[in-house]
Amino acid sequence: MRYLVRIKLNKDFLKQEGNKITIGVRAKPEDGKANEELLKKIARHFKVPISSVRIVSGRRSRNKIIEVL
């Protein structure tokens, strides 16, 4: 399943509406740390291993498309 994800920095929440997810991350967007936190939160939300979540597009953007296998 693919989801449209919007990132908000310096916040800590996750809100899902259909296939759209708004998520807050505390990690800085340096060296992929924010993306790592994003993947961990998404995996925890859907109760799947982190290896089942991947960023399809938008690796360097606040708007991303992620896929949960």
C-alpha atoms as a PDB file:
ATOM      1  CA  MET A   1       0.000   0.000   0.000  1.00  0.00           C
ATOM      2  CA  ARG A   2       1.304   3.475  -0.841  1.00  0.00           C
ATOM      3  CA  TYR A   3       0.771   6.578   1.258  1.00  0.00           C
ATOM      4  CA  LEU A   4       1.340  10.296   0.734  1.00  0.00           C
ATOM      5  CA  VAL A   5       3.343  11.588   3.684  1.00  0.00           C
ATOM      6  CA  ARG A   6       3.789  15.194   4.826  1.00  0.00           C
ATOM      7  CA  ILE A   7       6.611  15.879   7.314  1.00  0.00           C
ATOM      8  CA  LYS A   8       6.466  18.494  10.079  1.00  0.00           C
ATOM      9  CA  LEU A   9       9.753  19.183  11.860  1.00  0.00           C
ATOM     10  CA  ASN A  10      10.254  19.544  15.619  1.00  0.00           C
ATOM     11  CA  LYS A  11       6.966  17.841  16.441  1.00  0.00           C
ATOM     12  CA  ASP A  12       6.020  14.351  17.594  1.00  0.00           C
ATOM     13  CA  PHE A  13       2.711  13.044  16.230  1.00  0.00           C
ATOM     14  CA  LEU A  14       1.208  10.858  13.509  1.00  0.00           C
ATOM     15  CA  LYS A  15      -2.190  11.516  11.912  1.00  0.00           C
ATOM     16  CA  GLN A  16      -3.632   9.326   9.164  1.00  0.00           C
ATOM     17  CA  GLU A  17      -6.579  10.199   6.937  1.00  0.00           C
ATOM     18  CA  GLY A  18      -7.082   7.541   4.280  1.00  0.00           C
ATOM     19  CA  ASN A  19      -3.905   7.274   2.238  1.00  0.00           C
ATOM     20  CA  LYS A  20      -2.518  10.589   3.587  1.00  0.00           C
ATOM     21  CA  ILE A  21      -0.288  10.694   6.657  1.00  0.00           C
ATOM     22  CA  THR A  22       0.993  13.784   8.444  1.00  0.00           C
ATOM     23  CA  ILE A  23       3.862  12.988  10.775  1.00  0.00           C
ATOM     24  CA  GLY A  24       6.059  14.998  13.090  1.00  0.00           C
ATOM     25  CA  VAL A  25       9.738  14.153  13.466  1.00  0.00           C
ATOM     26  CA  ARG A  26      12.206  15.533  15.981  1.00  0.00           C
ATOM     27  CA  ALA A  27      15.401  14.485  14.159  1.00  0.00           C
ATOM     28  CA  LYS A  28      17.161  17.022  11.981  1.00  0.00           C
ATOM     29  CA  PRO A  29      17.082  16.409   8.229  1.00  0.00           C
ATOM     30  CA  GLU A  30      20.826  15.708   8.126  1.00  0.00           C
ATOM     31  CA  ASP A  31      22.472  12.452   7.022  1.00  0.00           C
ATOM     32  CA  GLY A  32      19.053  10.808   6.620  1.00  0.00           C
ATOM     33  CA  LYS A  33      18.230  10.941  10.352  1.00  0.00           C
ATOM     34  CA  ALA A  34      14.752  12.388   9.806  1.00  0.00           C
ATOM     35  CA  ASN A  35      14.001   9.706   7.193  1.00  0.00           C
ATOM     36  CA  GLU A  36      15.132   6.983   9.629  1.00  0.00           C
ATOM     37  CA  GLU A  37      12.823   8.344  12.321  1.00  0.00           C
ATOM     38  CA  LEU A  38       9.997   8.551   9.771  1.00  0.00           C
ATOM     39  CA  LEU A  39      10.442   4.897   8.751  1.00  0.00           C
ATOM     40  CA  LYS A  40      10.513   3.764  12.403  1.00  0.00           C
ATOM     41  CA  LYS A  41       7.311   5.659  13.243  1.00  0.00           C
ATOM     42  CA  ILE A  42       5.483   4.375  10.160  1.00  0.00           C
ATOM     43  CA  ALA A  43       6.569   0.800  10.899  1.00  0.00           C
ATOM     44  CA  ARG A  44       5.408   1.112  14.514  1.00  0.00           C
ATOM     45  CA  HIS A  45       2.070   2.614  13.408  1.00  0.00           C
ATOM     46  CA  PHE A  46       1.334  -0.234  10.984  1.00  0.00           C
ATOM     47  CA  LYS A  47       2.911  -2.884  13.259  1.00  0.00           C
ATOM     48  CA  VAL A  48       5.345  -4.116  10.600  1.00  0.00           C
ATOM     49  CA  PRO A  49       9.159  -4.431  10.592  1.00  0.00           C
ATOM     50  CA  ILE A  50      11.131  -1.420   9.380  1.00  0.00           C
ATOM     51  CA  SER A  51      12.321  -3.491   6.421  1.00  0.00           C
ATOM     52  CA  SER A  52       8.704  -3.532   5.168  1.00  0.00           C
ATOM     53  CA  VAL A  53       8.583   0.268   4.819  1.00  0.00           C
ATOM     54  CA  ARG A  54      10.395   2.161   2.075  1.00  0.00           C
ATOM     55  CA  ILE A  55      10.458   5.658   0.630  1.00  0.00           C
ATOM     56  CA  VAL A  56       9.350   5.519  -3.009  1.00  0.00           C
ATOM     57  CA  SER A  57       9.922   9.194  -3.792  1.00  0.00           C
ATOM     58  CA  GLY A  58      10.735  12.431  -2.023  1.00  0.00           C
ATOM     59  CA  ARG A  59      13.776  11.296  -0.053  1.00  0.00           C
ATOM     60  CA  ARG A  60      14.968  14.930   0.191  1.00  0.00           C
ATOM     61  CA  SER A  61      11.534  16.566   0.399  1.00  0.00           C
ATOM     62  CA  ARG A  62       8.931  17.154   3.120  1.00  0.00           C
ATOM     63  CA  ASN A  63       6.371  15.512   0.841  1.00  0.00           C
ATOM     64  CA  LYS A  64       7.048  11.829   0.317  1.00  0.00           C
ATOM     65  CA  ILE A  65       5.453   8.720  -1.047  1.00  0.00           C
ATOM     66  CA  ILE A  66       6.101   5.686   1.097  1.00  0.00           C
ATOM     67  CA  GLU A  67       5.213   2.065   0.551  1.00  0.00           C
ATOM     68  CA  VAL A  68       4.273  -0.395   3.281  1.00  0.00           C
ATOM     69  CA  LEU A  69       4.627  -4.014   2.236  1.00  0.00           C
END
